[in-house]
C-alpha atoms as a PDB file:
ATOM      1  CA  MET A   1     -11.444   5.993  13.990  1.00  0.00           C
ATOM      2  CA  LYS A   2      -8.074   7.316  12.820  1.00  0.00           C
ATOM      3  CA  ILE A   3      -6.624   6.140   9.539  1.00  0.00           C
ATOM      4  CA  VAL A   4      -3.203   6.932   8.128  1.00  0.00           C
ATOM      5  CA  ALA A   5      -2.585   6.275   4.437  1.00  0.00           C
ATOM      6  CA  ILE A   6       0.883   6.250   2.888  1.00  0.00           C
ATOM      7  CA  ASN A   7       1.118   6.468  -0.906  1.00  0.00           C
ATOM      8  CA  SER A   8       4.595   5.662  -2.237  1.00  0.00           C
ATOM      9  CA  SER A   9       3.833   6.250  -5.907  1.00  0.00           C
ATOM     10  CA  PRO A  10       6.273   8.818  -7.364  1.00  0.00           C
ATOM     11  CA  ASN A  11       3.239  10.264  -9.156  1.00  0.00           C
ATOM     12  CA  ARG A  12       1.495  10.974  -5.841  1.00  0.00           C
ATOM     13  CA  ASP A  13      -2.254  11.547  -6.321  1.00  0.00           C
ATOM     14  CA  LYS A  14      -2.008  11.430 -10.137  1.00  0.00           C
ATOM     15  CA  GLY A  15      -0.646   7.895 -10.417  1.00  0.00           C
ATOM     16  CA  ASN A  16      -2.347   4.597 -11.201  1.00  0.00           C
ATOM     17  CA  THR A  17      -2.294   3.566  -7.538  1.00  0.00           C
ATOM     18  CA  ALA A  18      -4.229   6.715  -6.596  1.00  0.00           C
ATOM     19  CA  LEU A  19      -6.996   5.727  -9.024  1.00  0.00           C
ATOM     20  CA  ILE A  20      -7.980   3.062  -6.500  1.00  0.00           C
ATOM     21  CA  LEU A  21      -6.683   4.607  -3.274  1.00  0.00           C
ATOM     22  CA  ASN A  22      -8.512   7.932  -3.588  1.00  0.00           C
ATOM     23  CA  PRO A  23     -12.072   6.555  -3.962  1.00  0.00           C
ATOM     24  CA  PHE A  24     -11.333   3.972  -1.267  1.00  0.00           C
ATOM     25  CA  LEU A  25     -10.427   6.757   1.166  1.00  0.00           C
ATOM     26  CA  GLU A  26     -13.516   8.708   0.065  1.00  0.00           C
ATOM     27  CA  GLY A  27     -15.667   5.754   1.067  1.00  0.00           C
ATOM     28  CA  ILE A  28     -13.925   5.596   4.431  1.00  0.00           C
ATOM     29  CA  LYS A  29     -14.442   9.319   5.036  1.00  0.00           C
ATOM     30  CA  GLU A  30     -18.139   8.986   4.190  1.00  0.00           C
ATOM     31  CA  GLU A  31     -18.476   6.697   7.194  1.00  0.00           C
ATOM     32  CA  GLY A  32     -16.981   9.298   9.533  1.00  0.00           C
ATOM     33  CA  ALA A  33     -13.362   8.218   9.850  1.00  0.00           C
ATOM     34  CA  GLU A  34     -10.512  10.700  10.288  1.00  0.00           C
ATOM     35  CA  VAL A  35      -8.122  10.168   7.377  1.00  0.00           C
ATOM     36  CA  GLU A  36      -4.629  11.551   6.874  1.00  0.00           C
ATOM     37  CA  ILE A  37      -2.646  10.789   3.719  1.00  0.00           C
ATOM     38  CA  TYR A  38       1.070  11.233   3.146  1.00  0.00           C
ATOM     39  CA  TYR A  39       3.207  10.785   0.039  1.00  0.00           C
ATOM     40  CA  THR A  40       6.712   9.370   0.379  1.00  0.00           C
ATOM     41  CA  LYS A  41       7.835  11.662  -2.452  1.00  0.00           C
ATOM     42  CA  ASP A  42       7.206  14.622  -0.133  1.00  0.00           C
ATOM     43  CA  LEU A  43       9.014  13.076   2.833  1.00  0.00           C
ATOM     44  CA  ASN A  44      12.646  13.065   3.887  1.00  0.00           C
ATOM     45  CA  ILE A  45      13.166   9.573   5.306  1.00  0.00           C
ATOM     46  CA  SER A  46      16.670   8.107   5.475  1.00  0.00           C
ATOM     47  CA  PRO A  47      17.417   4.364   5.442  1.00  0.00           C
ATOM     48  CA  CYS A  48      17.665   2.552   8.772  1.00  0.00           C
ATOM     49  CA  ILE A  49      21.272   2.307   9.970  1.00  0.00           C
ATOM     50  CA  GLY A  50      20.586  -0.817  12.041  1.00  0.00           C
ATOM     51  CA  ASP A  51      22.277   0.153  15.310  1.00  0.00           C
ATOM     52  CA  HIS A  52      19.188  -0.668  17.449  1.00  0.00           C
ATOM     53  CA  THR A  53      19.553   2.500  19.543  1.00  0.00           C
ATOM     54  CA  CYS A  54      15.763   2.869  19.173  1.00  0.00           C
ATOM     55  CA  GLN A  55      15.258  -0.415  21.065  1.00  0.00           C
ATOM     56  CA  ILE A  56      18.070  -0.272  23.641  1.00  0.00           C
ATOM     57  CA  LYS A  57      19.134   3.264  24.555  1.00  0.00           C
ATOM     58  CA  THR A  58      16.106   5.356  23.551  1.00  0.00           C
ATOM     59  CA  PRO A  59      13.116   2.954  23.277  1.00  0.00           C
ATOM     60  CA  GLY A  60      10.685   4.087  20.603  1.00  0.00           C
ATOM     61  CA  GLU A  61      12.885   6.951  19.408  1.00  0.00           C
ATOM     62  CA  CYS A  62      15.121   6.752  16.348  1.00  0.00           C
ATOM     63  CA  ILE A  63      18.542   8.376  16.363  1.00  0.00           C
ATOM     64  CA  LEU A  64      18.007   9.787  12.847  1.00  0.00           C
ATOM     65  CA  GLU A  65      16.623  13.307  12.523  1.00  0.00           C
ATOM     66  CA  ASP A  66      14.176  13.349   9.621  1.00  0.00           C
ATOM     67  CA  ASP A  67      10.441  13.237   8.833  1.00  0.00           C
ATOM     68  CA  MET A  68      10.051   9.808  10.422  1.00  0.00           C
ATOM     69  CA  LYS A  69      10.264  11.568  13.805  1.00  0.00           C
ATOM     70  CA  TRP A  70       6.753  12.990  13.494  1.00  0.00           C
ATOM     71  CA  LEU A  71       5.345  10.445  11.025  1.00  0.00           C
ATOM     72  CA  PHE A  72       6.084   7.549  13.376  1.00  0.00           C
ATOM     73  CA  SER A  73       3.829   9.177  15.975  1.00  0.00           C
ATOM     74  CA  LYS A  74       1.050   9.629  13.405  1.00  0.00           C
ATOM     75  CA  ILE A  75       1.308   5.973  12.395  1.00  0.00           C
ATOM     76  CA  ASN A  76       1.278   4.804  16.020  1.00  0.00           C
ATOM     77  CA  GLU A  77      -1.804   6.875  16.842  1.00  0.00           C
ATOM     78  CA  ALA A  78      -3.794   5.448  13.908  1.00  0.00           C
ATOM     79  CA  ASP A  79      -6.221   2.539  14.224  1.00  0.00           C
ATOM     80  CA  VAL A  80      -5.755   1.545  10.586  1.00  0.00           C
ATOM     81  CA  TRP A  81      -2.785   1.691   8.223  1.00  0.00           C
ATOM     82  CA  VAL A  82      -3.374   1.922   4.474  1.00  0.00           C
ATOM     83  CA  TRP A  83      -0.169   1.199   2.580  1.00  0.00           C
ATOM     84  CA  ALA A  84      -0.394   2.110  -1.108  1.00  0.00           C
ATOM     85  CA  SER A  85       2.332   1.273  -3.603  1.00  0.00           C
ATOM     86  CA  PRO A  86       2.713   0.338  -7.253  1.00  0.00           C
ATOM     87  CA  VAL A  87       4.580  -2.902  -7.930  1.00  0.00           C
ATOM     88  CA  TYR A  88       8.278  -2.146  -8.455  1.00  0.00           C
ATOM     89  CA  CYS A  89      10.615  -5.110  -9.054  1.00  0.00           C
ATOM     90  CA  ASP A  90       8.127  -7.571  -7.508  1.00  0.00           C
ATOM     91  CA  GLY A  91       7.506  -5.521  -4.361  1.00  0.00           C
ATOM     92  CA  VAL A  92       6.791  -2.110  -2.909  1.00  0.00           C
ATOM     93  CA  THR A  93       8.735   0.944  -4.019  1.00  0.00           C
ATOM     94  CA  GLY A  94      12.117   1.626  -2.452  1.00  0.00           C
ATOM     95  CA  GLN A  95      10.719   4.611  -0.576  1.00  0.00           C
ATOM     96  CA  MET A  96       7.990   2.469   0.987  1.00  0.00           C
ATOM     97  CA  LYS A  97      10.477  -0.208   2.007  1.00  0.00           C
ATOM     98  CA  ILE A  98      12.682   2.400   3.695  1.00  0.00           C
ATOM     99  CA  LEU A  99       9.655   3.672   5.626  1.00  0.00           C
ATOM    100  CA  MET A 100       8.763   0.118   6.673  1.00  0.00           C
ATOM    101  CA  ASP A 101      12.338  -0.507   7.858  1.00  0.00           C
ATOM    102  CA  ARG A 102      12.120   2.630   9.993  1.00  0.00           C
ATOM    103  CA  MET A 103       9.169   1.128  11.924  1.00  0.00           C
ATOM    104  CA  ILE A 104      11.676  -0.821  14.056  1.00  0.00           C
ATOM    105  CA  PRO A 105      11.290   1.611  17.034  1.00  0.00           C
ATOM    106  CA  GLY A 106       7.808   0.153  17.499  1.00  0.00           C
ATOM    107  CA  ALA A 107       9.279  -3.158  18.684  1.00  0.00           C
ATOM    108  CA  GLN A 108      11.027  -4.160  21.900  1.00  0.00           C
ATOM    109  CA  PRO A 109      14.260  -6.197  21.833  1.00  0.00           C
ATOM    110  CA  PHE A 110      12.424  -8.967  23.752  1.00  0.00           C
ATOM    111  CA  LEU A 111      10.776 -11.852  21.920  1.00  0.00           C
ATOM    112  CA  GLU A 112       7.616 -13.889  22.340  1.00  0.00           C
ATOM    113  CA  MET A 113       6.028 -16.839  20.587  1.00  0.00           C
ATOM    114  CA  ARG A 114       3.074 -15.468  18.632  1.00  0.00           C
ATOM    115  CA  ASP A 115       0.998 -17.493  16.163  1.00  0.00           C
ATOM    116  CA  GLY A 116       3.623 -20.201  16.118  1.00  0.00           C
ATOM    117  CA  ARG A 117       6.544 -17.897  15.319  1.00  0.00           C
ATOM    118  CA  LEU A 118       9.039 -15.882  17.315  1.00  0.00           C
ATOM    119  CA  ARG A 119       8.164 -12.192  17.145  1.00  0.00           C
ATOM    120  CA  HIS A 120       9.354  -9.027  18.851  1.00  0.00           C
ATOM    121  CA  LEU A 121       7.095  -7.709  21.594  1.00  0.00           C
ATOM    122  CA  PRO A 122       5.384  -4.448  20.568  1.00  0.00           C
ATOM    123  CA  LEU A 123       6.653  -1.371  22.399  1.00  0.00           C
ATOM    124  CA  VAL A 124       3.089  -0.297  23.201  1.00  0.00           C
ATOM    125  CA  GLU A 125       0.593  -2.990  24.158  1.00  0.00           C
ATOM    126  CA  GLY A 126      -2.957  -2.585  22.945  1.00  0.00           C
ATOM    127  CA  LYS A 127      -5.447  -3.584  20.303  1.00  0.00           C
ATOM    128  CA  PRO A 128      -3.618  -4.655  17.117  1.00  0.00           C
ATOM    129  CA  LYS A 129      -3.769  -2.227  14.204  1.00  0.00           C
ATOM    130  CA  LYS A 130      -5.515  -3.192  10.986  1.00  0.00           C
ATOM    131  CA  MET A 131      -3.650  -2.866   7.706  1.00  0.00           C
ATOM    132  CA  ILE A 132      -4.951  -2.617   4.148  1.00  0.00           C
ATOM    133  CA  LEU A 133      -2.840  -2.789   1.005  1.00  0.00           C
ATOM    134  CA  VAL A 134      -3.681  -0.838  -2.158  1.00  0.00           C
ATOM    135  CA  SER A 135      -1.563  -1.581  -5.216  1.00  0.00           C
ATOM    136  CA  SER A 136      -1.455  -1.330  -8.981  1.00  0.00           C
ATOM    137  CA  CYS A 137       0.748  -2.844 -11.643  1.00  0.00           C
ATOM    138  CA  GLY A 138       1.154  -2.669 -15.399  1.00  0.00           C
ATOM    139  CA  PHE A 139       0.879  -6.373 -16.143  1.00  0.00           C
ATOM    140  CA  PRO A 140      -2.529  -8.079 -16.497  1.00  0.00           C
ATOM    141  CA  GLU A 141      -1.853 -11.144 -14.305  1.00  0.00           C
ATOM    142  CA  MET A 142      -2.901 -11.115 -10.645  1.00  0.00           C
ATOM    143  CA  GLU A 143       0.158 -13.254  -9.849  1.00  0.00           C
ATOM    144  CA  THR A 144       2.207 -10.085 -10.259  1.00  0.00           C
ATOM    145  CA  PHE A 145       1.070  -9.070  -6.763  1.00  0.00           C
ATOM    146  CA  ASP A 146       2.023 -12.332  -5.015  1.00  0.00           C
ATOM    147  CA  PRO A 147       5.515 -11.308  -3.767  1.00  0.00           C
ATOM    148  CA  MET A 148       4.194  -7.993  -2.419  1.00  0.00           C
ATOM    149  CA  LEU A 149       1.245  -9.690  -0.733  1.00  0.00           C
ATOM    150  CA  ALA A 150       3.526 -12.208   0.964  1.00  0.00           C
ATOM    151  CA  HIS A 151       5.836  -9.426   2.161  1.00  0.00           C
ATOM    152  CA  MET A 152       3.061  -7.194   3.505  1.00  0.00           C
ATOM    153  CA  LYS A 153       1.378 -10.081   5.331  1.00  0.00           C
ATOM    154  CA  ALA A 154       4.718 -10.963   6.942  1.00  0.00           C
ATOM    155  CA  PHE A 155       5.235  -7.303   7.874  1.00  0.00           C
ATOM    156  CA  CYS A 156       1.791  -7.286   9.508  1.00  0.00           C
ATOM    157  CA  ALA A 157       2.555 -10.384  11.554  1.00  0.00           C
ATOM    158  CA  ASN A 158       5.831  -8.903  12.792  1.00  0.00           C
ATOM    159  CA  ALA A 159       4.140  -5.578  13.612  1.00  0.00           C
ATOM    160  CA  ASN A 160       1.356  -7.373  15.519  1.00  0.00           C
ATOM    161  CA  ALA A 161      -1.153  -5.967  13.042  1.00  0.00           C
ATOM    162  CA  GLU A 162      -4.094  -7.595  11.299  1.00  0.00           C
ATOM    163  CA  PHE A 163      -3.985  -7.830   7.512  1.00  0.00           C
ATOM    164  CA  ALA A 164      -7.506  -6.684   6.598  1.00  0.00           C
ATOM    165  CA  GLY A 165      -7.427  -7.012   2.810  1.00  0.00           C
ATOM    166  CA  ALA A 166      -5.903  -5.854  -0.452  1.00  0.00           C
ATOM    167  CA  LEU A 167      -7.297  -3.706  -3.250  1.00  0.00           C
ATOM    168  CA  LEU A 168      -5.287  -4.792  -6.292  1.00  0.00           C
ATOM    169  CA  ARG A 169      -5.498  -3.262  -9.761  1.00  0.00           C
ATOM    170  CA  PRO A 170      -3.665  -4.984 -12.631  1.00  0.00           C
ATOM    171  CA  ASN A 171      -3.288  -3.085 -15.915  1.00  0.00           C
ATOM    172  CA  GLY A 172      -3.259   0.252 -14.074  1.00  0.00           C
ATOM    173  CA  PRO A 173      -2.147   2.315 -17.104  1.00  0.00           C
ATOM    174  CA  ILE A 174      -4.806   0.606 -19.257  1.00  0.00           C
ATOM    175  CA  LEU A 175      -7.492   1.569 -16.719  1.00  0.00           C
ATOM    176  CA  LYS A 176      -6.343   5.193 -16.736  1.00  0.00           C
ATOM    177  CA  GLY A 177      -6.400   5.294 -20.542  1.00  0.00           C
ATOM    178  CA  MET A 178      -9.866   3.754 -20.704  1.00  0.00           C
ATOM    179  CA  LEU A 179     -11.197   6.259 -18.167  1.00  0.00           C
ATOM    180  CA  GLU A 180      -9.800   9.139 -20.232  1.00  0.00           C
ATOM    181  CA  LYS A 181     -11.552   7.759 -23.319  1.00  0.00           C
ATOM    182  CA  GLY A 182     -14.889   7.363 -21.517  1.00  0.00           C
ATOM    183  CA  ALA A 183     -14.910   3.559 -21.621  1.00  0.00           C
ATOM    184  CA  PRO A 184     -17.361   1.789 -19.261  1.00  0.00           C
ATOM    185  CA  VAL A 185     -14.928   1.106 -16.419  1.00  0.00           C
ATOM    186  CA  LYS A 186     -16.161   3.496 -13.727  1.00  0.00           C
ATOM    187  CA  ASP A 187     -17.610   0.501 -11.872  1.00  0.00           C
ATOM    188  CA  ILE A 188     -14.026  -0.216 -10.758  1.00  0.00           C
ATOM    189  CA  LEU A 189     -13.731   3.179  -9.052  1.00  0.00           C
ATOM    190  CA  GLU A 190     -17.220   2.801  -7.588  1.00  0.00           C
ATOM    191  CA  ALA A 191     -16.223  -0.586  -6.169  1.00  0.00           C
ATOM    192  CA  ALA A 192     -13.127   0.988  -4.595  1.00  0.00           C
ATOM    193  CA  LYS A 193     -15.318   3.568  -2.872  1.00  0.00           C
ATOM    194  CA  ASP A 194     -17.765   0.862  -1.796  1.00  0.00           C
ATOM    195  CA  ALA A 195     -14.811  -1.057  -0.344  1.00  0.00           C
ATOM    196  CA  GLY A 196     -14.158   1.903   1.948  1.00  0.00           C
ATOM    197  CA  ASN A 197     -17.804   1.925   3.055  1.00  0.00           C
ATOM    198  CA  GLN A 198     -17.744  -1.820   3.694  1.00  0.00           C
ATOM    199  CA  PHE A 199     -14.534  -1.748   5.677  1.00  0.00           C
ATOM    200  CA  MET A 200     -15.851   0.930   8.020  1.00  0.00           C
ATOM    201  CA  LYS A 201     -19.155  -0.882   8.532  1.00  0.00           C
ATOM    202  CA  ASN A 202     -17.944  -4.489   8.737  1.00  0.00           C
ATOM    203  CA  SER A 203     -14.146  -4.335   9.266  1.00  0.00           C
ATOM    204  CA  LYS A 204     -13.817  -6.337   6.056  1.00  0.00           C
ATOM    205  CA  ILE A 205     -14.362  -6.083   2.308  1.00  0.00           C
ATOM    206  CA  SER A 206     -16.358  -8.596   0.288  1.00  0.00           C
ATOM    207  CA  GLU A 207     -14.618 -10.801  -2.282  1.00  0.00           C
ATOM    208  CA  GLU A 208     -17.183  -9.673  -4.847  1.00  0.00           C
ATOM    209  CA  THR A 209     -16.131  -6.046  -4.429  1.00  0.00           C
ATOM    210  CA  LEU A 210     -12.420  -6.886  -4.536  1.00  0.00           C
ATOM    211  CA  ASN A 211     -12.975  -8.913  -7.717  1.00  0.00           C
ATOM    212  CA  ILE A 212     -14.622  -5.931  -9.413  1.00  0.00           C
ATOM    213  CA  ILE A 213     -11.634  -3.754  -8.503  1.00  0.00           C
ATOM    214  CA  SER A 214      -9.316  -6.360 -10.044  1.00  0.00           C
ATOM    215  CA  ARG A 215     -11.464  -7.344 -13.009  1.00  0.00           C
ATOM    216  CA  GLN A 216      -9.754  -8.072 -16.309  1.00  0.00           C
ATOM    217  CA  LEU A 217      -9.839  -5.281 -18.876  1.00  0.00           C
ATOM    218  CA  ILE A 218      -8.057  -6.935 -21.804  1.00  0.00           C
ATOM    219  CA  SER A 219      -6.712 -10.412 -22.488  1.00  0.00           C
ATOM    220  CA  VAL A 220      -3.099 -11.321 -21.787  1.00  0.00           C
ATOM    221  CA  ASP A 221      -2.526 -11.929 -25.507  1.00  0.00           C
ATOM    222  CA  MET A 222      -3.911  -8.514 -26.413  1.00  0.00           C
ATOM    223  CA  PHE A 223      -1.789  -6.853 -23.739  1.00  0.00           C
ATOM    224  CA  LEU A 224       1.316  -8.631 -25.042  1.00  0.00           C
ATOM    225  CA  GLN A 225       0.649  -7.409 -28.563  1.00  0.00           C
ATOM    226  CA  MET A 226      -0.109  -3.844 -27.460  1.00  0.00           C
ATOM    227  CA  ALA A 227       2.915  -3.632 -25.158  1.00  0.00           C
ATOM    228  CA  ASN A 228       5.359  -4.848 -27.812  1.00  0.00           C
ATOM    229  CA  GLN A 229       3.868  -2.555 -30.444  1.00  0.00           C
ATOM    230  CA  PHE A 230       4.176   0.403 -28.066  1.00  0.00           C
ATOM    231  CA  ALA A 231       7.783  -0.512 -27.262  1.00  0.00           C
ATOM    232  CA  GLN A 232       8.609  -0.723 -30.975  1.00  0.00           C
ATOM    233  CA  GLU A 233       7.093   2.715 -31.612  1.00  0.00           C
ATOM    234  CA  ILE A 234       9.073   4.217 -28.723  1.00  0.00           C
ATOM    235  CA  LEU A 235      12.309   2.783 -30.070  1.00  0.00           C
ATOM    236  CA  GLN A 236      11.598   4.004 -33.600  1.00  0.00           C
ATOM    237  CA  ASN A 237      10.768   7.491 -32.359  1.00  0.00           C
ATOM    238  CA  ASN A 238      14.122   7.541 -30.570  1.00  0.00           C
ATOM    239  CA  GLY A 239      16.065   6.571 -33.675  1.00  0.00           C
ATOM    240  CA  ARG A 240      16.600   2.904 -32.912  1.00  0.00           C
END
């Protein structure tokens, strides 16, 4: 099985999103899958110009000359897509959204009725891909992920892919700080790795495992107090 993972965190493999993504991919590799990971920070991908040349004149081939030329082939060849992004302004990062927009060459201009909605026919017929979302955010509430989840599920439906689950980590910076201090939170990373094992064995991840990955670390009230105190210290240290 081929898996392509895209991490759009500007901090690449050192960010809060990678805390969950990396052990998840380790679990997948343990089960024998071929995994390739790419970071949008390392890629030159221009925004879609919306002229539909890729659907009309040169089906499947974008007119723009950048890294999407070869990455699009990698994504198409994969059985599973793992999209990893921190929450930025209620959604994926700008770099991830640009990459998603550039997936248009994978669709024909013709339409069909699929699952009760009009959708573009895929350029290449075959078994639908599976897609997994990995995300982190600073806030403690799980509702923070709702807009991103809705967007990624809609993207899956349009791409004729199956949404296979989401590994969501609220309070990402808090988790990183607790790990550095040796706090008992390694079960979260272990659950992320186990999620990779489960997905490869069962094509799904148990709710119990996903709940461990997302488990609350501190109360909302405590986070509010800590965040405001930190902001006040930052302002004071900068002469305000």
